[in-house]
């Protein structure tokens, strides 16, 4: 499955409208507070109008210090997933439970420096593991190749803990070349600039699905 990020877009309404005309599975919504990461995205009072431009399900990535301040708002949108980072200022478990209380699937994000075993205590509460292939916060970065080993570890974890069902997602630096390397290790591929900086969104999405 493909989730398209509009983080690098200079014209968000236009980008969302064009993405809505493709067969992309999700719209990846990056939420940045200017504290957890340097960058800052649109405030929710503007982001809540996203439904005017797309009816795709949302895959929300909270790059914020205090996720609890954002979960209720983003739960009110057409969100399928809301994912939070391990090293926020708040306890993780209450926030995972809060996400699920809205009937939305909960995810944990692994930064490049995070170890896979850190998520084991949370496996009963998560539906998604979002692996960062770059340092979070900026679009258009180069994929960190050692991320592939982390994806392999997660696939081993999936076999060891068969009682839990979680999807593996990858975000950051994804293009068609990277997609070929990781397609058999992931369930969802997140891509931003590779899609939105092109003149043909559907063609780029097809290449990520490995359709020529």
N, C-alpha and C. Protein backbone atom coordinates (compact mmCIF):
# COMPACT_ATOMS: atom_id res chain seq x y z
N UNK A 1 0.84 -1.19 0.00
CA UNK A 1 0.00 0.00 0.00
C UNK A 1 0.88 1.25 0.00
N UNK A 2 0.36 2.33 -0.58
CA UNK A 2 1.12 3.56 -0.69
C UNK A 2 0.41 4.68 0.06
N UNK A 3 1.18 5.41 0.87
CA UNK A 3 0.68 6.58 1.59
C UNK A 3 1.48 7.79 1.11
N UNK A 4 0.78 8.79 0.57
CA UNK A 4 1.48 9.95 -0.01
C UNK A 4 1.52 11.11 0.97
N UNK A 5 2.73 11.63 1.19
CA UNK A 5 2.93 12.79 2.06
C UNK A 5 2.96 14.06 1.22
N UNK A 6 2.36 15.13 1.75
CA UNK A 6 2.39 16.42 1.06
C UNK A 6 3.28 17.43 1.78
N UNK A 7 4.20 16.92 2.61
CA UNK A 7 5.08 17.77 3.41
C UNK A 7 5.91 18.73 2.55
N UNK A 8 6.32 18.28 1.38
CA UNK A 8 7.18 19.10 0.51
C UNK A 8 6.37 20.01 -0.43
N UNK A 9 5.04 19.95 -0.33
CA UNK A 9 4.20 20.69 -1.28
C UNK A 9 4.24 22.21 -1.03
N UNK A 10 4.28 22.95 -2.12
CA UNK A 10 4.20 24.43 -2.04
C UNK A 10 2.75 24.89 -2.19
N UNK A 11 1.89 24.02 -2.69
CA UNK A 11 0.47 24.35 -2.89
C UNK A 11 -0.35 23.15 -2.42
N UNK A 12 -0.64 23.13 -1.12
CA UNK A 12 -1.25 21.95 -0.51
C UNK A 12 -2.63 21.61 -1.09
N UNK A 13 -3.55 22.58 -1.25
CA UNK A 13 -4.86 22.23 -1.84
C UNK A 13 -4.73 21.57 -3.22
N UNK A 14 -3.85 22.11 -4.06
CA UNK A 14 -3.65 21.56 -5.40
C UNK A 14 -3.08 20.15 -5.32
N UNK A 15 -2.07 19.96 -4.45
CA UNK A 15 -1.45 18.65 -4.29
C UNK A 15 -2.46 17.61 -3.81
N UNK A 16 -3.26 17.98 -2.81
CA UNK A 16 -4.26 17.05 -2.27
C UNK A 16 -5.31 16.70 -3.31
N UNK A 17 -5.73 17.68 -4.09
CA UNK A 17 -6.73 17.44 -5.14
C UNK A 17 -6.17 16.47 -6.18
N UNK A 18 -4.90 16.66 -6.56
CA UNK A 18 -4.28 15.77 -7.56
C UNK A 18 -4.09 14.38 -6.99
N UNK A 19 -3.70 14.29 -5.72
CA UNK A 19 -3.53 12.97 -5.09
C UNK A 19 -4.87 12.24 -5.01
N UNK A 20 -5.94 13.00 -4.80
CA UNK A 20 -7.26 12.40 -4.69
C UNK A 20 -7.69 11.75 -6.01
N UNK A 21 -7.09 12.21 -7.11
CA UNK A 21 -7.41 11.65 -8.43
C UNK A 21 -6.55 10.44 -8.79
N UNK A 22 -5.71 10.00 -7.86
CA UNK A 22 -4.88 8.80 -8.08
C UNK A 22 -5.48 7.63 -7.30
N UNK A 23 -4.82 6.47 -7.39
CA UNK A 23 -5.29 5.31 -6.61
C UNK A 23 -4.46 5.13 -5.33
N UNK A 24 -3.80 6.21 -4.86
CA UNK A 24 -3.02 6.12 -3.63
C UNK A 24 -3.94 5.67 -2.49
N UNK A 25 -3.40 4.86 -1.58
CA UNK A 25 -4.22 4.27 -0.52
C UNK A 25 -4.51 5.23 0.63
N UNK A 26 -3.50 6.01 1.01
CA UNK A 26 -3.64 6.93 2.14
C UNK A 26 -2.99 8.27 1.82
N UNK A 27 -3.44 9.31 2.52
CA UNK A 27 -2.73 10.58 2.57
C UNK A 27 -2.00 10.62 3.90
N UNK A 28 -0.69 10.77 3.85
CA UNK A 28 0.14 10.82 5.04
C UNK A 28 0.20 12.27 5.54
N UNK A 29 -0.31 12.50 6.73
CA UNK A 29 -0.38 13.85 7.30
C UNK A 29 0.71 14.01 8.36
N UNK A 30 1.74 14.78 8.03
CA UNK A 30 2.81 15.08 8.99
C UNK A 30 2.39 16.26 9.84
N UNK A 31 2.42 16.08 11.16
CA UNK A 31 2.08 17.15 12.09
C UNK A 31 3.33 17.47 12.90
N UNK A 32 3.84 18.70 12.76
CA UNK A 32 5.08 19.10 13.44
C UNK A 32 4.81 20.34 14.28
N UNK A 33 5.29 20.30 15.53
CA UNK A 33 4.98 21.39 16.47
C UNK A 33 6.09 22.43 16.62
N UNK A 34 7.22 22.26 15.88
CA UNK A 34 8.33 23.19 16.02
C UNK A 34 9.14 22.98 17.29
N UNK A 35 8.81 21.93 18.06
CA UNK A 35 9.53 21.61 19.31
C UNK A 35 10.17 20.24 19.22
N UNK A 36 9.34 19.23 18.92
CA UNK A 36 9.89 17.87 18.76
C UNK A 36 10.85 17.84 17.57
N UNK A 37 10.46 18.52 16.51
CA UNK A 37 11.33 18.74 15.35
C UNK A 37 11.33 20.24 15.06
N UNK A 38 12.32 20.70 14.31
CA UNK A 38 12.44 22.14 14.05
C UNK A 38 11.28 22.69 13.23
N UNK A 39 10.85 21.95 12.23
CA UNK A 39 9.81 22.44 11.34
C UNK A 39 8.46 22.52 12.00
N UNK A 40 7.58 23.32 11.42
CA UNK A 40 6.22 23.45 11.92
C UNK A 40 5.26 23.37 10.74
N UNK A 41 4.20 22.59 10.91
CA UNK A 41 3.21 22.43 9.83
C UNK A 41 1.98 23.30 10.13
N UNK A 42 1.03 23.27 9.21
CA UNK A 42 -0.19 24.07 9.36
C UNK A 42 -0.91 23.74 10.67
N UNK A 43 -1.47 24.75 11.35
CA UNK A 43 -2.24 24.46 12.56
C UNK A 43 -3.52 23.70 12.22
N UNK A 44 -4.08 23.04 13.21
CA UNK A 44 -5.26 22.20 12.96
C UNK A 44 -6.43 23.02 12.41
N UNK A 45 -6.55 24.27 12.82
CA UNK A 45 -7.68 25.09 12.34
C UNK A 45 -7.67 25.19 10.81
N UNK A 46 -6.50 25.02 10.20
CA UNK A 46 -6.42 24.98 8.73
C UNK A 46 -6.46 23.54 8.22
N UNK A 47 -5.78 22.65 8.93
CA UNK A 47 -5.71 21.26 8.49
C UNK A 47 -7.07 20.57 8.52
N UNK A 48 -7.97 21.04 9.36
CA UNK A 48 -9.29 20.38 9.45
C UNK A 48 -10.10 20.51 8.18
N UNK A 49 -9.68 21.39 7.27
CA UNK A 49 -10.39 21.56 6.00
C UNK A 49 -9.89 20.58 4.92
N UNK A 50 -9.03 19.64 5.31
CA UNK A 50 -8.44 18.71 4.35
C UNK A 50 -9.52 17.92 3.59
N UNK A 51 -10.66 17.69 4.26
CA UNK A 51 -11.74 16.91 3.63
C UNK A 51 -12.30 17.59 2.37
N UNK A 52 -12.07 18.89 2.25
CA UNK A 52 -12.56 19.62 1.06
C UNK A 52 -11.77 19.23 -0.20
N UNK A 53 -10.57 18.69 0.01
CA UNK A 53 -9.68 18.41 -1.12
C UNK A 53 -9.44 16.93 -1.35
N UNK A 54 -9.72 16.11 -0.35
CA UNK A 54 -9.51 14.66 -0.53
C UNK A 54 -10.47 13.87 0.35
N UNK A 55 -10.92 12.74 -0.18
CA UNK A 55 -11.73 11.84 0.64
C UNK A 55 -10.97 10.55 0.95
N UNK A 56 -9.65 10.58 0.71
CA UNK A 56 -8.80 9.43 1.05
C UNK A 56 -8.68 9.31 2.57
N UNK A 57 -8.48 8.08 3.05
CA UNK A 57 -8.21 7.88 4.47
C UNK A 57 -6.85 8.49 4.82
N UNK A 58 -6.74 9.00 6.04
CA UNK A 58 -5.53 9.68 6.48
C UNK A 58 -4.67 8.78 7.37
N UNK A 59 -3.39 8.96 7.21
CA UNK A 59 -2.36 8.24 7.96
C UNK A 59 -1.57 9.36 8.67
N UNK A 60 -1.92 9.62 9.94
CA UNK A 60 -1.43 10.81 10.64
C UNK A 60 -0.17 10.48 11.45
N UNK A 61 0.86 11.29 11.26
CA UNK A 61 2.16 11.11 11.91
C UNK A 61 2.41 12.33 12.80
N UNK A 62 2.30 12.13 14.12
CA UNK A 62 2.47 13.23 15.07
C UNK A 62 3.93 13.37 15.50
N UNK A 63 4.62 14.34 14.92
CA UNK A 63 5.99 14.67 15.33
C UNK A 63 5.91 15.82 16.33
N UNK A 64 5.40 15.49 17.52
CA UNK A 64 5.10 16.52 18.51
C UNK A 64 5.55 16.06 19.90
N UNK A 65 5.82 17.03 20.78
CA UNK A 65 6.25 16.71 22.14
C UNK A 65 5.11 16.14 22.99
N UNK A 66 3.90 16.67 22.78
CA UNK A 66 2.76 16.29 23.63
C UNK A 66 1.60 15.80 22.75
N UNK A 67 1.63 14.52 22.34
CA UNK A 67 0.61 13.99 21.42
C UNK A 67 -0.82 14.15 21.93
N UNK A 68 -1.02 14.10 23.24
CA UNK A 68 -2.39 14.15 23.78
C UNK A 68 -3.11 15.43 23.40
N UNK A 69 -2.35 16.49 23.11
CA UNK A 69 -2.96 17.76 22.71
C UNK A 69 -3.50 17.72 21.27
N UNK A 70 -3.09 16.73 20.52
CA UNK A 70 -3.43 16.67 19.09
C UNK A 70 -4.36 15.51 18.73
N UNK A 71 -4.36 14.46 19.55
CA UNK A 71 -5.06 13.22 19.18
C UNK A 71 -6.55 13.44 18.95
N UNK A 72 -7.22 14.15 19.85
CA UNK A 72 -8.67 14.36 19.71
C UNK A 72 -9.00 15.07 18.39
N UNK A 73 -8.21 16.11 18.07
CA UNK A 73 -8.46 16.87 16.84
C UNK A 73 -8.33 15.98 15.61
N UNK A 74 -7.22 15.24 15.52
CA UNK A 74 -6.98 14.43 14.31
C UNK A 74 -7.87 13.19 14.27
N UNK A 75 -8.39 12.79 15.42
CA UNK A 75 -9.35 11.69 15.46
C UNK A 75 -10.68 12.12 14.85
N UNK A 76 -10.91 13.43 14.78
CA UNK A 76 -12.18 13.94 14.23
C UNK A 76 -12.17 13.96 12.69
N UNK A 77 -11.00 13.72 12.10
CA UNK A 77 -10.88 13.69 10.64
C UNK A 77 -11.05 12.25 10.14
N UNK A 78 -10.83 12.06 8.85
CA UNK A 78 -11.00 10.73 8.25
C UNK A 78 -9.73 9.90 8.43
N UNK A 79 -9.31 9.77 9.69
CA UNK A 79 -8.02 9.13 10.00
C UNK A 79 -8.18 7.63 10.22
N UNK A 80 -7.30 6.86 9.56
CA UNK A 80 -7.25 5.42 9.82
C UNK A 80 -6.18 5.11 10.86
N UNK A 81 -5.04 5.81 10.75
CA UNK A 81 -3.93 5.61 11.68
C UNK A 81 -3.51 6.95 12.30
N UNK A 82 -3.16 6.92 13.58
CA UNK A 82 -2.44 8.03 14.21
C UNK A 82 -1.22 7.43 14.90
N UNK A 83 -0.03 7.91 14.53
CA UNK A 83 1.22 7.35 15.05
C UNK A 83 1.96 8.39 15.88
N UNK A 84 2.57 7.90 16.98
CA UNK A 84 3.32 8.77 17.88
C UNK A 84 4.74 8.23 18.06
N UNK A 85 5.65 9.11 18.47
CA UNK A 85 7.04 8.74 18.69
C UNK A 85 7.25 8.20 20.10
N UNK A 86 8.32 7.43 20.27
CA UNK A 86 8.64 6.84 21.57
C UNK A 86 9.14 7.88 22.57
N UNK A 87 9.89 8.87 22.09
CA UNK A 87 10.58 9.79 23.02
C UNK A 87 9.88 11.15 23.14
N UNK A 88 8.56 11.09 23.36
CA UNK A 88 7.83 12.34 23.60
C UNK A 88 7.90 12.68 25.09
N UNK A 89 7.31 13.80 25.47
CA UNK A 89 7.32 14.21 26.89
C UNK A 89 6.30 13.43 27.71
N UNK A 90 5.41 12.71 27.03
CA UNK A 90 4.32 12.02 27.71
C UNK A 90 4.51 10.50 27.71
N UNK A 91 3.84 9.83 28.65
CA UNK A 91 3.85 8.37 28.65
C UNK A 91 3.16 7.87 27.39
N UNK A 92 3.71 6.83 26.82
CA UNK A 92 3.21 6.34 25.53
C UNK A 92 1.88 5.60 25.67
N UNK A 93 1.79 4.73 26.65
CA UNK A 93 0.62 3.84 26.74
C UNK A 93 -0.71 4.60 26.83
N UNK A 94 -0.84 5.61 27.70
CA UNK A 94 -2.12 6.34 27.74
C UNK A 94 -2.49 6.96 26.38
N UNK A 95 -1.49 7.41 25.63
CA UNK A 95 -1.78 8.01 24.32
C UNK A 95 -2.19 6.96 23.29
N UNK A 96 -1.58 5.78 23.34
CA UNK A 96 -2.00 4.70 22.44
C UNK A 96 -3.45 4.31 22.75
N UNK A 97 -3.78 4.24 24.05
CA UNK A 97 -5.15 3.90 24.46
C UNK A 97 -6.13 5.00 24.05
N UNK A 98 -5.67 6.26 24.14
CA UNK A 98 -6.52 7.38 23.75
C UNK A 98 -6.85 7.31 22.25
N UNK A 99 -5.85 7.04 21.44
CA UNK A 99 -6.07 6.90 19.99
C UNK A 99 -7.10 5.82 19.72
N UNK A 100 -6.92 4.66 20.36
CA UNK A 100 -7.80 3.52 20.11
C UNK A 100 -9.21 3.77 20.65
N UNK A 101 -9.34 4.65 21.67
CA UNK A 101 -10.66 4.96 22.23
C UNK A 101 -11.56 5.65 21.20
N UNK A 102 -10.94 6.26 20.17
CA UNK A 102 -11.70 6.91 19.11
C UNK A 102 -11.97 5.96 17.93
N UNK A 103 -11.61 4.69 18.10
CA UNK A 103 -11.82 3.71 17.03
C UNK A 103 -10.82 3.85 15.91
N UNK A 104 -9.67 4.45 16.22
CA UNK A 104 -8.62 4.67 15.22
C UNK A 104 -7.44 3.77 15.55
N UNK A 105 -6.74 3.30 14.51
CA UNK A 105 -5.60 2.42 14.70
C UNK A 105 -4.39 3.22 15.20
N UNK A 106 -3.69 2.65 16.17
CA UNK A 106 -2.58 3.35 16.82
C UNK A 106 -1.24 2.85 16.29
N UNK A 107 -0.32 3.78 16.10
CA UNK A 107 1.01 3.43 15.62
C UNK A 107 2.11 4.00 16.49
N UNK A 108 3.26 3.35 16.45
CA UNK A 108 4.48 3.86 17.09
C UNK A 108 5.51 4.10 16.00
N UNK A 109 6.24 5.21 16.14
CA UNK A 109 7.27 5.58 15.16
C UNK A 109 8.64 5.25 15.71
N UNK A 110 9.46 4.60 14.89
CA UNK A 110 10.85 4.32 15.25
C UNK A 110 11.77 5.27 14.49
N UNK A 111 12.47 6.13 15.22
CA UNK A 111 13.47 7.01 14.62
C UNK A 111 14.70 6.19 14.24
N UNK A 112 15.60 6.72 13.40
CA UNK A 112 16.79 5.96 13.00
C UNK A 112 17.61 5.42 14.17
N UNK A 113 17.64 6.16 15.29
CA UNK A 113 18.45 5.73 16.44
C UNK A 113 17.72 4.78 17.38
N UNK A 114 16.43 4.57 17.18
CA UNK A 114 15.63 3.72 18.08
C UNK A 114 15.84 2.23 17.77
N UNK A 115 15.89 1.43 18.83
CA UNK A 115 16.05 -0.01 18.69
C UNK A 115 14.68 -0.69 18.60
N UNK A 116 14.62 -1.75 17.81
CA UNK A 116 13.36 -2.47 17.60
C UNK A 116 12.77 -2.98 18.92
N UNK A 117 13.64 -3.48 19.83
CA UNK A 117 13.11 -4.08 21.06
C UNK A 117 12.37 -3.08 21.95
N UNK A 118 12.56 -1.79 21.70
CA UNK A 118 11.90 -0.76 22.50
C UNK A 118 10.38 -0.80 22.36
N UNK A 119 9.89 -1.36 21.26
CA UNK A 119 8.43 -1.36 21.04
C UNK A 119 7.75 -2.61 21.58
N UNK A 120 8.51 -3.61 22.00
CA UNK A 120 7.92 -4.89 22.41
C UNK A 120 6.84 -4.73 23.50
N UNK A 121 7.07 -3.89 24.53
CA UNK A 121 6.02 -3.76 25.57
C UNK A 121 4.69 -3.21 25.03
N UNK A 122 4.74 -2.55 23.88
CA UNK A 122 3.53 -1.89 23.36
C UNK A 122 2.81 -2.70 22.27
N UNK A 123 3.34 -3.87 21.94
CA UNK A 123 2.76 -4.66 20.85
C UNK A 123 1.26 -4.95 21.02
N UNK A 124 0.77 -5.19 22.26
CA UNK A 124 -0.68 -5.45 22.38
C UNK A 124 -1.56 -4.25 22.03
N UNK A 125 -0.95 -3.07 21.95
CA UNK A 125 -1.74 -1.84 21.79
C UNK A 125 -1.57 -1.17 20.43
N UNK A 126 -0.71 -1.73 19.57
CA UNK A 126 -0.42 -1.03 18.31
C UNK A 126 -0.86 -1.82 17.08
N UNK A 127 -1.21 -1.06 16.06
CA UNK A 127 -1.64 -1.63 14.78
C UNK A 127 -0.62 -1.33 13.68
N UNK A 128 0.32 -0.42 13.98
CA UNK A 128 1.27 0.03 12.96
C UNK A 128 2.61 0.36 13.61
N UNK A 129 3.68 -0.01 12.93
CA UNK A 129 5.02 0.45 13.29
C UNK A 129 5.54 1.24 12.11
N UNK A 130 5.76 2.52 12.33
CA UNK A 130 6.23 3.42 11.27
C UNK A 130 7.74 3.62 11.45
N UNK A 131 8.50 3.11 10.52
CA UNK A 131 9.97 3.18 10.59
C UNK A 131 10.45 4.38 9.78
N UNK A 132 11.24 5.24 10.43
CA UNK A 132 11.78 6.40 9.73
C UNK A 132 13.07 6.03 9.01
N UNK A 133 13.07 6.28 7.71
CA UNK A 133 14.27 6.02 6.90
C UNK A 133 15.18 7.24 6.83
N UNK A 134 14.76 8.32 7.51
CA UNK A 134 15.53 9.57 7.59
C UNK A 134 15.31 10.14 8.99
N UNK A 135 16.07 11.18 9.33
CA UNK A 135 15.81 11.91 10.57
C UNK A 135 14.51 12.69 10.38
N UNK A 136 13.54 12.54 11.29
CA UNK A 136 12.23 13.17 11.07
C UNK A 136 12.29 14.69 11.08
N UNK A 137 11.39 15.28 10.28
CA UNK A 137 11.24 16.73 10.33
C UNK A 137 11.36 17.46 9.02
N UNK A 138 12.06 16.88 8.05
CA UNK A 138 12.24 17.56 6.76
C UNK A 138 11.99 16.59 5.61
N UNK A 139 11.34 17.10 4.56
CA UNK A 139 11.11 16.29 3.37
C UNK A 139 12.33 16.29 2.46
N UNK A 140 12.37 15.33 1.54
CA UNK A 140 13.41 15.32 0.52
C UNK A 140 14.77 14.81 0.95
N UNK A 141 14.87 14.12 2.10
CA UNK A 141 16.16 13.59 2.56
C UNK A 141 16.49 12.26 1.89
N UNK A 142 17.77 11.88 1.99
CA UNK A 142 18.23 10.61 1.40
C UNK A 142 17.98 9.46 2.38
N UNK A 143 17.50 8.36 1.85
CA UNK A 143 17.19 7.17 2.65
C UNK A 143 18.44 6.61 3.32
N UNK A 144 18.34 6.29 4.62
CA UNK A 144 19.45 5.69 5.38
C UNK A 144 19.40 4.17 5.15
N UNK A 145 20.39 3.63 4.46
CA UNK A 145 20.35 2.21 4.05
C UNK A 145 20.29 1.21 5.20
N UNK A 146 20.84 1.58 6.36
CA UNK A 146 20.81 0.65 7.50
C UNK A 146 19.39 0.41 8.01
N UNK A 147 18.44 1.24 7.55
CA UNK A 147 17.03 1.06 7.91
C UNK A 147 16.52 -0.30 7.45
N UNK A 148 17.09 -0.83 6.39
CA UNK A 148 16.66 -2.13 5.85
C UNK A 148 16.84 -3.22 6.91
N UNK A 149 17.93 -3.15 7.68
CA UNK A 149 18.17 -4.14 8.74
C UNK A 149 17.07 -4.06 9.81
N UNK A 150 16.62 -2.84 10.09
CA UNK A 150 15.55 -2.66 11.08
C UNK A 150 14.25 -3.29 10.57
N UNK A 151 13.98 -3.13 9.29
CA UNK A 151 12.78 -3.74 8.70
C UNK A 151 12.86 -5.26 8.78
N UNK A 152 14.05 -5.81 8.55
CA UNK A 152 14.23 -7.27 8.67
C UNK A 152 13.98 -7.74 10.10
N UNK A 153 14.47 -6.96 11.08
CA UNK A 153 14.25 -7.28 12.50
C UNK A 153 12.76 -7.28 12.82
N UNK A 154 12.04 -6.31 12.29
CA UNK A 154 10.60 -6.21 12.55
C UNK A 154 9.84 -7.39 11.96
N UNK A 155 10.29 -7.87 10.81
CA UNK A 155 9.65 -9.03 10.21
C UNK A 155 9.90 -10.29 11.03
N UNK A 156 11.06 -10.38 11.63
CA UNK A 156 11.34 -11.50 12.55
C UNK A 156 10.42 -11.39 13.77
N UNK A 157 10.27 -10.15 14.29
CA UNK A 157 9.41 -9.90 15.44
C UNK A 157 7.97 -10.32 15.13
N UNK A 158 7.54 -10.04 13.92
CA UNK A 158 6.18 -10.38 13.49
C UNK A 158 5.96 -11.90 13.58
N UNK A 159 6.99 -12.66 13.20
CA UNK A 159 6.88 -14.12 13.25
C UNK A 159 6.93 -14.63 14.69
N UNK A 160 7.70 -13.95 15.53
CA UNK A 160 7.83 -14.38 16.94
C UNK A 160 6.58 -14.07 17.75
N UNK A 161 5.92 -12.96 17.44
CA UNK A 161 4.74 -12.53 18.19
C UNK A 161 3.51 -12.60 17.28
N UNK A 162 3.18 -13.83 16.90
CA UNK A 162 2.08 -14.02 15.94
C UNK A 162 0.73 -13.62 16.51
N UNK A 163 0.62 -13.53 17.84
CA UNK A 163 -0.67 -13.17 18.45
C UNK A 163 -1.02 -11.70 18.23
N UNK A 164 -0.02 -10.91 17.83
CA UNK A 164 -0.26 -9.49 17.58
C UNK A 164 -0.18 -9.22 16.08
N UNK A 165 -1.13 -8.44 15.59
CA UNK A 165 -1.10 -8.12 14.16
C UNK A 165 -0.82 -6.65 13.99
N UNK A 166 0.31 -6.34 13.42
CA UNK A 166 0.66 -4.94 13.15
C UNK A 166 1.24 -4.84 11.75
N UNK A 167 0.99 -3.70 11.15
CA UNK A 167 1.54 -3.41 9.82
C UNK A 167 2.88 -2.71 10.00
N UNK A 168 3.76 -2.90 9.02
CA UNK A 168 5.06 -2.22 9.01
C UNK A 168 5.03 -1.17 7.90
N UNK A 169 5.32 0.07 8.30
CA UNK A 169 5.32 1.18 7.34
C UNK A 169 6.71 1.81 7.33
N UNK A 170 7.10 2.36 6.20
CA UNK A 170 8.41 3.00 6.05
C UNK A 170 8.21 4.41 5.50
N UNK A 171 8.93 5.36 6.08
CA UNK A 171 8.76 6.77 5.70
C UNK A 171 10.11 7.46 5.64
N UNK A 172 10.36 8.17 4.53
CA UNK A 172 11.57 8.99 4.44
C UNK A 172 12.53 8.54 3.35
N UNK A 173 12.72 9.40 2.36
CA UNK A 173 13.69 9.12 1.31
C UNK A 173 13.29 8.02 0.36
N UNK A 174 11.97 7.77 0.24
CA UNK A 174 11.52 6.65 -0.58
C UNK A 174 11.33 7.07 -2.03
N UNK A 175 12.01 6.35 -2.92
CA UNK A 175 11.80 6.49 -4.36
C UNK A 175 11.65 5.09 -4.95
N UNK A 176 11.61 4.97 -6.27
CA UNK A 176 11.40 3.66 -6.89
C UNK A 176 12.55 2.69 -6.60
N UNK A 177 13.78 3.22 -6.51
CA UNK A 177 14.96 2.36 -6.26
C UNK A 177 14.89 1.77 -4.85
N UNK A 178 14.57 2.63 -3.87
CA UNK A 178 14.44 2.16 -2.49
C UNK A 178 13.26 1.19 -2.38
N UNK A 179 12.15 1.51 -3.06
CA UNK A 179 10.95 0.66 -2.99
C UNK A 179 11.26 -0.78 -3.40
N UNK A 180 12.11 -0.95 -4.42
CA UNK A 180 12.48 -2.30 -4.86
C UNK A 180 13.21 -3.06 -3.76
N UNK A 181 14.01 -2.34 -2.96
CA UNK A 181 14.79 -2.99 -1.89
C UNK A 181 13.93 -3.38 -0.70
N UNK A 182 12.84 -2.64 -0.47
CA UNK A 182 12.11 -2.83 0.79
C UNK A 182 10.66 -3.31 0.60
N UNK A 183 10.23 -3.50 -0.62
CA UNK A 183 8.81 -3.81 -0.85
C UNK A 183 8.37 -5.11 -0.17
N UNK A 184 9.26 -6.10 -0.10
CA UNK A 184 8.88 -7.38 0.51
C UNK A 184 9.02 -7.36 2.04
N UNK A 185 9.45 -6.23 2.60
CA UNK A 185 9.64 -6.11 4.05
C UNK A 185 8.62 -5.17 4.69
N UNK A 186 7.78 -4.54 3.87
CA UNK A 186 6.85 -3.53 4.39
C UNK A 186 5.43 -3.78 3.89
N UNK A 187 4.48 -3.23 4.65
CA UNK A 187 3.07 -3.28 4.25
C UNK A 187 2.63 -1.96 3.62
N UNK A 188 3.22 -0.85 4.12
CA UNK A 188 2.86 0.49 3.64
C UNK A 188 4.14 1.27 3.35
N UNK A 189 4.19 1.88 2.18
CA UNK A 189 5.32 2.74 1.81
C UNK A 189 4.83 4.18 1.79
N UNK A 190 5.49 5.03 2.59
CA UNK A 190 5.17 6.46 2.60
C UNK A 190 6.16 7.19 1.70
N UNK A 191 5.64 8.00 0.81
CA UNK A 191 6.53 8.76 -0.07
C UNK A 191 5.96 10.16 -0.26
N UNK A 192 6.85 11.14 -0.25
CA UNK A 192 6.42 12.53 -0.39
C UNK A 192 6.94 13.18 -1.64
N UNK A 193 8.15 13.77 -1.53
CA UNK A 193 8.72 14.55 -2.63
C UNK A 193 8.81 13.76 -3.93
N UNK A 194 9.10 12.46 -3.84
CA UNK A 194 9.21 11.63 -5.05
C UNK A 194 7.92 11.67 -5.86
N UNK A 195 6.79 11.73 -5.15
CA UNK A 195 5.49 11.80 -5.83
C UNK A 195 5.14 13.25 -6.17
N UNK A 196 5.17 14.12 -5.15
CA UNK A 196 4.59 15.46 -5.31
C UNK A 196 5.48 16.44 -6.09
N UNK A 197 6.77 16.11 -6.26
CA UNK A 197 7.64 16.97 -7.08
C UNK A 197 7.61 16.58 -8.56
N UNK A 198 6.76 15.60 -8.89
CA UNK A 198 6.70 15.12 -10.27
C UNK A 198 5.51 15.73 -11.00
N UNK A 199 5.47 15.55 -12.31
CA UNK A 199 4.35 16.03 -13.12
C UNK A 199 3.26 14.98 -13.30
N UNK A 200 3.55 13.76 -12.85
CA UNK A 200 2.59 12.65 -13.03
C UNK A 200 2.56 11.81 -11.75
N UNK A 201 1.67 12.18 -10.84
CA UNK A 201 1.59 11.51 -9.54
C UNK A 201 1.32 10.01 -9.70
N UNK A 202 0.39 9.67 -10.59
CA UNK A 202 0.00 8.25 -10.74
C UNK A 202 1.17 7.41 -11.24
N UNK A 203 1.94 7.96 -12.14
CA UNK A 203 3.11 7.24 -12.66
C UNK A 203 4.10 6.93 -11.54
N UNK A 204 4.33 7.91 -10.66
CA UNK A 204 5.26 7.71 -9.54
C UNK A 204 4.70 6.68 -8.55
N UNK A 205 3.40 6.76 -8.30
CA UNK A 205 2.76 5.80 -7.38
C UNK A 205 2.88 4.39 -7.96
N UNK A 206 2.64 4.25 -9.25
CA UNK A 206 2.78 2.95 -9.92
C UNK A 206 4.19 2.39 -9.75
N UNK A 207 5.19 3.27 -9.87
CA UNK A 207 6.58 2.80 -9.78
C UNK A 207 6.90 2.33 -8.36
N UNK A 208 6.25 2.94 -7.36
CA UNK A 208 6.43 2.49 -5.97
C UNK A 208 5.74 1.16 -5.72
N UNK A 209 4.66 0.92 -6.46
CA UNK A 209 3.97 -0.37 -6.38
C UNK A 209 4.69 -1.42 -7.23
N UNK A 210 5.80 -0.99 -7.88
CA UNK A 210 6.59 -1.84 -8.76
C UNK A 210 5.78 -2.27 -9.99
N UNK A 211 4.89 -1.35 -10.42
CA UNK A 211 4.13 -1.57 -11.67
C UNK A 211 4.81 -0.72 -12.73
N UNK A 212 5.25 -1.34 -13.84
CA UNK A 212 5.93 -0.57 -14.88
C UNK A 212 4.91 -0.01 -15.87
